[in-house]
Amino acid sequence: NLPVYEATVEGSKKYIIPLYGAGLWGPIWGYVSLEGDANTIFAASFSHKGETPGLGAEITTSNFQTPFTGKKIFRDGQLRSIAVMKAGVKSETQDQVDAISGGTITSKGVEAMLYDCLSVYEAFLKTIKED
């Protein structure tokens, strides 16, 4: 397990969780920062070593990363993470962001990375949740 970082931004506590997973052509990684409620995403940042420029490499852009802000990782007390889905497709069980057009495998890699890495910290996140 990697460490969880704690930060204070403008007087509000944030928890920063490192992420690592697999894209189409190699490793992908990043960080997700949660609000003090340990549920709402404050920010997300992703990177890669060898994803295709203009396709999977788009995970590094603000157009892909910014929509994660404000999304919830828990629903009904259960970790659901964030779905990365084609535009127009809706998830009934979890918050979602749009996938990268033409970057399906990398998009699914980000989705799996989020769930897999957040799952490791699920019990911890449930204990630190602020009301």
Foldseek 3Di string as FASTA:
>chain_A
DDDWDWDADPNWIKIKFKWWWAFDPGIKIWIWIHTQQLWFTQWIAMADDDDDPPFLRCSRPCVNTVVSGGFTQDDPLHGNFEQADDPPDDDPHGHYDHHTVVRVRSSVGVRCRRSVRVVVCSVVSVVRGDD
